[in-house]
Amino acid sequence: MTIYSLKTTGKVIGVYFSLGTTPSNDPSLSCSKAICDLFNSAKVSALVSIYSLSERAVIDSMIAAHRRGVNVMVVADRTQSGGKTMNQYLNKLEKAGIPVFIAVKQKACMHNKCGIFDSMTVATGSYNWTSNGTRKNDENLVVLEGADVAALYEKYVFERVLNNETAEKMYRATF
């Protein structure tokens, strides 16, 4: 069997879990807290490719980063973004000045759940950036550090969806 992979270097800098499944219910291992900390420490950019988004603390951290001058951009799944709650949060991001694009030309469910911070750090895993993902579901998040791995995520996750699957215009709420 041949295994294909893209060679990269980097290191795992954190592993996190949904609050209901964290070891010993330790809030310092919370996926939501980890994502918020990454937005709070971002200096230049935060690129998000997301399936579902409804965790208020994450939304607030995204807006705060944008207001500090961080280039925050979001590409989101077409189907999930049509739901009332996610639609409201995407509209809130857009009203704050954050470019939000919907993968309207996607050929498959855009099931990514990742953020790329300052072209150096990647947060990825099964964790949906939602209230249920934070408090109820059994989900996880891994944070990786390394320019090589971040460049691959930018190219093959964020930019691929942005350039090939989104509409030309920014997201506009329809609800």
Foldseek 3Di string as FASTA:
>chain_A
DDDDDDDDDWFWDAKAKAQVPGVVSDPVRFPLVVLLVLLVPFDAEKEWEAAAAQQVSNLVSVLVSVVNPHQYEYEYEPVRCLDPRNVVSLQVCVVSPHFYWYQQQDPDTLHWGWMQGPLFKMKGWNQHNHPCSRHPDTIMIIMITGNGVSVCCCPVRRCCSVVPGTDPDGDDRDD
